[in-house]
């Protein structure tokens, strides 16, 4: 089964803050019906509208509010029969911190943090002393 791979971009969380800063954008690799996955980018500020109008960037691009995006992602995952995978706790934390309870519950049901599983598989293969960043782990799977 293929999944939608999501990644928020923006300023990272401060150690002094309990709430995640609001992200700049969400990027996603969305499985295509045939062929390679398609990249989509959703921006949360109108300042990025020129990027969305650019013809040099392929894939879906739009400026959107996070609540509408969350509902769209849930519908897209349901249409494709898949989940929303991410490689850190950051994505779930951003959704939880910035969505209303009802929308958060819908999104949470679709989220899967693949980092613990990927690290576990890598460790079983004897590569336990390496970094847990995405590229290091994925290169050993």
N, C-alpha and C. Protein backbone atom coordinates (compact mmCIF):
# COMPACT_ATOMS: atom_id res chain seq x y z
N UNK A 1 0.84 -1.19 0.00
CA UNK A 1 0.00 0.00 0.00
C UNK A 1 0.88 1.24 0.00
N UNK A 2 0.55 2.20 -0.83
CA UNK A 2 1.29 3.46 -0.87
C UNK A 2 0.59 4.46 0.04
N UNK A 3 1.36 5.40 0.57
CA UNK A 3 0.83 6.42 1.47
C UNK A 3 1.20 7.81 0.98
N UNK A 4 0.52 8.80 1.50
CA UNK A 4 0.84 10.19 1.25
C UNK A 4 1.90 10.59 2.27
N UNK A 5 3.06 11.02 1.80
CA UNK A 5 4.17 11.40 2.68
C UNK A 5 4.13 12.91 2.88
N UNK A 6 4.00 13.35 4.13
CA UNK A 6 3.86 14.78 4.41
C UNK A 6 5.03 15.31 5.22
N UNK A 7 5.31 16.62 5.05
CA UNK A 7 6.39 17.26 5.79
C UNK A 7 6.10 18.76 5.88
N UNK A 8 5.92 19.26 7.11
CA UNK A 8 5.76 20.70 7.32
C UNK A 8 7.11 21.36 7.23
N UNK A 9 7.13 22.59 6.71
CA UNK A 9 8.35 23.40 6.66
C UNK A 9 8.06 24.73 7.34
N UNK A 10 9.08 25.25 7.98
CA UNK A 10 8.96 26.54 8.65
C UNK A 10 9.98 26.62 9.76
N UNK A 11 9.76 27.53 10.68
CA UNK A 11 10.66 27.71 11.82
C UNK A 11 10.43 26.55 12.79
N UNK A 12 11.50 25.97 13.29
CA UNK A 12 11.38 24.86 14.23
C UNK A 12 10.88 25.31 15.59
N UNK A 13 10.50 24.35 16.42
CA UNK A 13 9.97 24.65 17.75
C UNK A 13 11.08 25.06 18.70
N UNK A 14 10.82 26.11 19.44
CA UNK A 14 11.76 26.57 20.46
C UNK A 14 11.65 25.66 21.69
N UNK A 15 12.74 25.47 22.37
CA UNK A 15 12.72 24.67 23.60
C UNK A 15 11.91 25.35 24.69
N UNK A 16 11.73 26.66 24.56
CA UNK A 16 11.00 27.43 25.57
C UNK A 16 9.50 27.49 25.30
N UNK A 17 9.05 26.87 24.24
CA UNK A 17 7.64 26.95 23.86
C UNK A 17 6.99 25.58 23.87
N UNK A 18 5.77 25.53 24.35
CA UNK A 18 5.04 24.27 24.34
C UNK A 18 4.21 24.11 23.07
N UNK A 19 4.04 25.19 22.32
CA UNK A 19 3.23 25.15 21.11
C UNK A 19 4.14 25.26 19.89
N UNK A 20 3.88 24.46 18.89
CA UNK A 20 4.66 24.51 17.65
C UNK A 20 4.40 25.82 16.93
N UNK A 21 5.45 26.46 16.40
CA UNK A 21 5.21 27.66 15.60
C UNK A 21 4.40 27.30 14.35
N UNK A 22 3.65 28.26 13.87
CA UNK A 22 2.84 27.99 12.69
C UNK A 22 3.76 27.78 11.49
N UNK A 23 3.57 26.73 10.70
CA UNK A 23 4.46 26.43 9.58
C UNK A 23 4.26 27.39 8.41
N UNK A 24 5.23 27.40 7.52
CA UNK A 24 5.16 28.17 6.29
C UNK A 24 4.39 27.41 5.23
N UNK A 25 4.60 26.10 5.19
CA UNK A 25 4.00 25.28 4.14
C UNK A 25 3.96 23.81 4.55
N UNK A 26 3.23 23.03 3.77
CA UNK A 26 3.26 21.57 3.88
C UNK A 26 3.55 21.03 2.50
N UNK A 27 4.56 20.19 2.41
CA UNK A 27 4.86 19.50 1.16
C UNK A 27 4.41 18.06 1.29
N UNK A 28 3.99 17.47 0.17
CA UNK A 28 3.53 16.07 0.21
C UNK A 28 3.86 15.37 -1.10
N UNK A 29 4.25 14.12 -0.97
CA UNK A 29 4.34 13.23 -2.13
C UNK A 29 3.07 12.40 -2.12
N UNK A 30 2.30 12.53 -3.18
CA UNK A 30 1.00 11.86 -3.27
C UNK A 30 1.09 10.76 -4.32
N UNK A 31 0.73 9.51 -3.95
CA UNK A 31 0.82 8.43 -4.93
C UNK A 31 -0.09 8.71 -6.12
N UNK A 32 0.43 8.44 -7.31
CA UNK A 32 -0.36 8.59 -8.53
C UNK A 32 -1.05 7.26 -8.82
N UNK A 33 -2.09 7.32 -9.62
CA UNK A 33 -2.75 6.08 -10.00
C UNK A 33 -1.80 5.18 -10.79
N UNK A 34 -0.97 5.82 -11.61
CA UNK A 34 0.07 5.09 -12.34
C UNK A 34 1.32 5.95 -12.36
N UNK A 35 2.46 5.32 -12.28
CA UNK A 35 3.71 6.06 -12.37
C UNK A 35 4.18 6.61 -11.03
N UNK A 36 5.01 7.61 -11.15
CA UNK A 36 5.67 8.20 -9.98
C UNK A 36 4.72 9.05 -9.16
N UNK A 37 4.99 9.18 -7.85
CA UNK A 37 4.16 10.06 -7.01
C UNK A 37 4.30 11.51 -7.48
N UNK A 38 3.30 12.30 -7.16
CA UNK A 38 3.27 13.72 -7.54
C UNK A 38 3.54 14.56 -6.29
N UNK A 39 4.33 15.62 -6.46
CA UNK A 39 4.62 16.52 -5.35
C UNK A 39 3.55 17.61 -5.31
N UNK A 40 3.05 17.88 -4.12
CA UNK A 40 2.09 18.96 -3.89
C UNK A 40 2.66 19.88 -2.82
N UNK A 41 2.39 21.17 -2.93
CA UNK A 41 2.84 22.15 -1.93
C UNK A 41 1.67 23.05 -1.57
N UNK A 42 1.43 23.15 -0.28
CA UNK A 42 0.38 24.04 0.23
C UNK A 42 1.04 25.08 1.11
N UNK A 43 0.81 26.36 0.80
CA UNK A 43 1.39 27.47 1.55
C UNK A 43 0.32 28.09 2.42
N UNK A 44 0.73 28.64 3.56
CA UNK A 44 -0.21 29.20 4.53
C UNK A 44 -0.20 30.72 4.58
N UNK A 45 0.47 31.36 3.63
CA UNK A 45 0.53 32.82 3.63
C UNK A 45 0.46 33.31 2.18
N UNK A 46 -0.34 34.36 1.95
CA UNK A 46 -0.51 34.92 0.61
C UNK A 46 0.79 35.42 0.00
N UNK A 47 1.80 35.68 0.81
CA UNK A 47 3.07 36.14 0.28
C UNK A 47 3.66 35.11 -0.71
N UNK A 48 3.23 33.84 -0.59
CA UNK A 48 3.73 32.78 -1.47
C UNK A 48 2.86 32.58 -2.72
N UNK A 49 1.85 33.40 -2.91
CA UNK A 49 0.96 33.27 -4.08
C UNK A 49 1.73 33.30 -5.40
N UNK A 50 2.76 34.14 -5.57
CA UNK A 50 3.49 34.11 -6.84
C UNK A 50 4.11 32.75 -7.16
N UNK A 51 4.55 32.03 -6.14
CA UNK A 51 5.09 30.69 -6.36
C UNK A 51 3.99 29.78 -6.90
N UNK A 52 2.80 29.92 -6.36
CA UNK A 52 1.69 29.09 -6.78
C UNK A 52 1.28 29.36 -8.22
N UNK A 53 1.48 30.60 -8.68
CA UNK A 53 1.13 30.95 -10.06
C UNK A 53 2.23 30.59 -11.04
N UNK A 54 3.40 30.27 -10.55
CA UNK A 54 4.55 29.98 -11.41
C UNK A 54 4.31 28.73 -12.23
N UNK A 55 4.68 28.80 -13.50
CA UNK A 55 4.57 27.62 -14.36
C UNK A 55 5.85 26.80 -14.35
N UNK A 56 6.92 27.33 -13.72
CA UNK A 56 8.18 26.58 -13.68
C UNK A 56 8.16 25.49 -12.62
N UNK A 57 7.23 25.58 -11.66
CA UNK A 57 7.11 24.56 -10.62
C UNK A 57 5.95 23.64 -11.00
N UNK A 58 6.25 22.36 -11.13
CA UNK A 58 5.19 21.41 -11.48
C UNK A 58 4.49 20.92 -10.22
N UNK A 59 3.34 20.30 -10.39
CA UNK A 59 2.60 19.77 -9.25
C UNK A 59 1.60 20.78 -8.74
N UNK A 60 0.81 20.35 -7.81
CA UNK A 60 -0.23 21.20 -7.23
C UNK A 60 0.40 22.18 -6.25
N UNK A 61 -0.01 23.45 -6.34
CA UNK A 61 0.49 24.49 -5.45
C UNK A 61 -0.68 25.40 -5.14
N UNK A 62 -0.89 25.73 -3.89
CA UNK A 62 -1.93 26.69 -3.55
C UNK A 62 -1.71 27.27 -2.16
N UNK A 63 -2.30 28.45 -1.96
CA UNK A 63 -2.32 29.08 -0.65
C UNK A 63 -3.64 28.68 -0.01
N UNK A 64 -3.56 28.20 1.23
CA UNK A 64 -4.74 27.59 1.86
C UNK A 64 -4.64 27.75 3.38
N UNK A 65 -5.75 27.68 4.06
CA UNK A 65 -5.67 27.68 5.53
C UNK A 65 -5.51 26.24 6.01
N UNK A 66 -4.92 26.07 7.17
CA UNK A 66 -4.55 24.74 7.66
C UNK A 66 -5.75 23.84 7.91
N UNK A 67 -6.90 24.41 8.30
CA UNK A 67 -8.10 23.59 8.54
C UNK A 67 -8.63 23.00 7.25
N UNK A 68 -8.69 23.82 6.20
CA UNK A 68 -9.15 23.33 4.90
C UNK A 68 -8.18 22.28 4.37
N UNK A 69 -6.89 22.54 4.50
CA UNK A 69 -5.89 21.57 4.05
C UNK A 69 -6.04 20.25 4.79
N UNK A 70 -6.22 20.30 6.10
CA UNK A 70 -6.35 19.06 6.88
C UNK A 70 -7.53 18.23 6.38
N UNK A 71 -8.65 18.89 6.13
CA UNK A 71 -9.83 18.16 5.63
C UNK A 71 -9.56 17.60 4.23
N UNK A 72 -8.87 18.37 3.38
CA UNK A 72 -8.52 17.88 2.04
C UNK A 72 -7.61 16.66 2.12
N UNK A 73 -6.64 16.70 3.02
CA UNK A 73 -5.72 15.56 3.16
C UNK A 73 -6.45 14.30 3.63
N UNK A 74 -7.38 14.46 4.56
CA UNK A 74 -8.15 13.31 5.03
C UNK A 74 -8.96 12.72 3.87
N UNK A 75 -9.64 13.58 3.10
CA UNK A 75 -10.41 13.10 1.95
C UNK A 75 -9.52 12.42 0.91
N UNK A 76 -8.37 13.03 0.64
CA UNK A 76 -7.44 12.45 -0.33
C UNK A 76 -6.95 11.08 0.13
N UNK A 77 -6.61 10.96 1.41
CA UNK A 77 -6.16 9.67 1.95
C UNK A 77 -7.29 8.64 1.85
N UNK A 78 -8.51 9.05 2.12
CA UNK A 78 -9.64 8.12 2.02
C UNK A 78 -9.87 7.70 0.57
N UNK A 79 -9.77 8.64 -0.37
CA UNK A 79 -9.95 8.31 -1.79
C UNK A 79 -8.89 7.32 -2.26
N UNK A 80 -7.68 7.48 -1.79
CA UNK A 80 -6.58 6.62 -2.23
C UNK A 80 -6.44 5.38 -1.36
N UNK A 81 -7.23 5.29 -0.28
CA UNK A 81 -7.16 4.13 0.60
C UNK A 81 -5.82 4.03 1.31
N UNK A 82 -5.31 5.16 1.78
CA UNK A 82 -3.99 5.16 2.40
C UNK A 82 -3.97 6.08 3.62
N UNK A 83 -2.80 6.21 4.21
CA UNK A 83 -2.63 7.08 5.36
C UNK A 83 -1.74 8.26 5.03
N UNK A 84 -1.46 9.06 6.04
CA UNK A 84 -0.57 10.21 5.95
C UNK A 84 0.67 9.89 6.77
N UNK A 85 1.78 9.59 6.11
CA UNK A 85 2.98 9.21 6.83
C UNK A 85 3.93 10.39 6.96
N UNK A 86 4.66 10.40 8.06
CA UNK A 86 5.63 11.45 8.33
C UNK A 86 6.79 10.84 9.09
N UNK A 87 7.92 11.57 9.16
CA UNK A 87 9.13 11.01 9.74
C UNK A 87 9.57 11.70 11.03
N UNK A 88 8.66 12.28 11.75
CA UNK A 88 8.98 12.85 13.05
C UNK A 88 7.67 13.12 13.77
N UNK A 89 7.76 13.49 15.02
CA UNK A 89 6.55 13.83 15.76
C UNK A 89 6.09 15.25 15.44
N UNK A 90 6.89 15.99 14.71
CA UNK A 90 6.60 17.39 14.41
C UNK A 90 5.28 17.57 13.66
N UNK A 91 5.02 16.76 12.65
CA UNK A 91 3.81 16.92 11.84
C UNK A 91 2.56 16.75 12.69
N UNK A 92 2.51 15.71 13.50
CA UNK A 92 1.35 15.49 14.37
C UNK A 92 1.21 16.63 15.37
N UNK A 93 2.32 17.11 15.90
CA UNK A 93 2.29 18.18 16.89
C UNK A 93 1.75 19.48 16.27
N UNK A 94 2.17 19.79 15.04
CA UNK A 94 1.69 21.00 14.37
C UNK A 94 0.18 20.90 14.16
N UNK A 95 -0.29 19.76 13.64
CA UNK A 95 -1.74 19.60 13.45
C UNK A 95 -2.48 19.75 14.78
N UNK A 96 -1.99 19.07 15.81
CA UNK A 96 -2.66 19.12 17.11
C UNK A 96 -2.70 20.54 17.68
N UNK A 97 -1.60 21.27 17.54
CA UNK A 97 -1.51 22.61 18.10
C UNK A 97 -2.35 23.64 17.35
N UNK A 98 -2.64 23.39 16.07
CA UNK A 98 -3.25 24.44 15.25
C UNK A 98 -4.62 24.08 14.66
N UNK A 99 -5.12 22.90 14.93
CA UNK A 99 -6.45 22.52 14.44
C UNK A 99 -7.46 22.51 15.59
N UNK A 100 -8.73 22.67 15.25
CA UNK A 100 -9.77 22.48 16.27
C UNK A 100 -9.83 20.99 16.60
N UNK A 101 -10.45 20.64 17.73
CA UNK A 101 -10.46 19.24 18.20
C UNK A 101 -11.05 18.26 17.19
N UNK A 102 -12.15 18.63 16.57
CA UNK A 102 -12.81 17.72 15.62
C UNK A 102 -11.94 17.42 14.41
N UNK A 103 -11.34 18.45 13.85
CA UNK A 103 -10.48 18.25 12.67
C UNK A 103 -9.23 17.48 13.08
N UNK A 104 -8.68 17.79 14.26
CA UNK A 104 -7.51 17.05 14.75
C UNK A 104 -7.84 15.56 14.88
N UNK A 105 -9.01 15.22 15.40
CA UNK A 105 -9.38 13.80 15.54
C UNK A 105 -9.42 13.11 14.18
N UNK A 106 -9.97 13.78 13.17
CA UNK A 106 -10.03 13.20 11.82
C UNK A 106 -8.63 12.96 11.26
N UNK A 107 -7.76 13.96 11.39
CA UNK A 107 -6.41 13.85 10.86
C UNK A 107 -5.62 12.80 11.62
N UNK A 108 -5.73 12.81 12.94
CA UNK A 108 -4.96 11.87 13.78
C UNK A 108 -5.19 10.42 13.37
N UNK A 109 -6.41 10.09 12.96
CA UNK A 109 -6.72 8.71 12.55
C UNK A 109 -5.95 8.29 11.30
N UNK A 110 -5.51 9.25 10.51
CA UNK A 110 -4.80 8.95 9.26
C UNK A 110 -3.28 9.03 9.40
N UNK A 111 -2.78 9.62 10.49
CA UNK A 111 -1.34 9.85 10.64
C UNK A 111 -0.58 8.60 11.08
N UNK A 112 0.61 8.44 10.53
CA UNK A 112 1.51 7.37 10.93
C UNK A 112 2.95 7.89 10.89
N UNK A 113 3.58 7.96 12.06
CA UNK A 113 4.99 8.35 12.14
C UNK A 113 5.82 7.11 11.84
N UNK A 114 6.49 7.11 10.69
CA UNK A 114 7.24 5.91 10.28
C UNK A 114 8.65 5.85 10.86
N UNK A 115 9.08 6.89 11.54
CA UNK A 115 10.45 6.89 12.07
C UNK A 115 10.73 5.73 13.02
N UNK A 116 9.88 5.49 14.04
CA UNK A 116 10.20 4.37 14.95
C UNK A 116 10.32 3.03 14.23
N UNK A 117 9.45 2.76 13.29
CA UNK A 117 9.51 1.50 12.55
C UNK A 117 10.75 1.43 11.66
N UNK A 118 11.06 2.54 10.99
CA UNK A 118 12.23 2.56 10.12
C UNK A 118 13.52 2.37 10.91
N UNK A 119 13.63 3.01 12.07
CA UNK A 119 14.81 2.86 12.93
C UNK A 119 14.91 1.42 13.44
N UNK A 120 13.78 0.85 13.81
CA UNK A 120 13.76 -0.54 14.31
C UNK A 120 14.25 -1.51 13.23
N UNK A 121 13.78 -1.34 12.00
CA UNK A 121 14.21 -2.21 10.90
C UNK A 121 15.71 -2.03 10.64
N UNK A 122 16.15 -0.77 10.61
CA UNK A 122 17.58 -0.50 10.38
C UNK A 122 18.43 -1.15 11.47
N UNK A 123 17.99 -1.03 12.73
CA UNK A 123 18.74 -1.62 13.85
C UNK A 123 18.80 -3.13 13.74
N UNK A 124 17.70 -3.75 13.33
CA UNK A 124 17.69 -5.21 13.16
C UNK A 124 18.71 -5.65 12.12
N UNK A 125 19.02 -4.77 11.19
CA UNK A 125 19.98 -5.08 10.14
C UNK A 125 21.41 -4.78 10.57
N UNK A 126 21.59 -4.42 11.85
CA UNK A 126 22.93 -4.26 12.41
C UNK A 126 23.56 -2.89 12.25
N UNK A 127 22.79 -1.87 11.96
CA UNK A 127 23.33 -0.53 11.76
C UNK A 127 22.91 0.39 12.91
N UNK A 128 23.10 -0.05 14.14
CA UNK A 128 22.56 0.66 15.31
C UNK A 128 23.32 1.92 15.69
N UNK A 129 24.56 2.09 15.30
CA UNK A 129 25.34 3.23 15.77
C UNK A 129 25.22 4.46 14.86
N UNK A 130 24.43 4.36 13.81
CA UNK A 130 24.33 5.47 12.86
C UNK A 130 23.27 6.47 13.29
N UNK A 131 23.29 7.61 12.64
CA UNK A 131 22.34 8.69 12.91
C UNK A 131 20.91 8.24 12.59
N UNK A 132 19.94 8.85 13.29
CA UNK A 132 18.53 8.54 13.03
C UNK A 132 17.87 9.53 12.09
N UNK A 133 18.67 10.39 11.40
CA UNK A 133 18.03 11.30 10.46
C UNK A 133 17.51 10.50 9.27
N UNK A 134 16.58 11.09 8.55
CA UNK A 134 15.86 10.39 7.48
C UNK A 134 16.78 9.77 6.44
N UNK A 135 17.73 10.53 5.92
CA UNK A 135 18.57 9.99 4.85
C UNK A 135 19.44 8.84 5.35
N UNK A 136 19.95 8.92 6.57
CA UNK A 136 20.79 7.84 7.11
C UNK A 136 19.98 6.55 7.30
N UNK A 137 18.80 6.69 7.85
CA UNK A 137 17.95 5.51 8.10
C UNK A 137 17.49 4.90 6.78
N UNK A 138 17.00 5.73 5.87
CA UNK A 138 16.46 5.20 4.62
C UNK A 138 17.55 4.55 3.75
N UNK A 139 18.78 5.03 3.86
CA UNK A 139 19.87 4.44 3.07
C UNK A 139 20.19 3.02 3.53
N UNK A 140 19.76 2.65 4.74
CA UNK A 140 20.05 1.32 5.28
C UNK A 140 18.84 0.39 5.26
N UNK A 141 17.73 0.84 4.73
CA UNK A 141 16.53 -0.04 4.66
C UNK A 141 16.56 -0.87 3.41
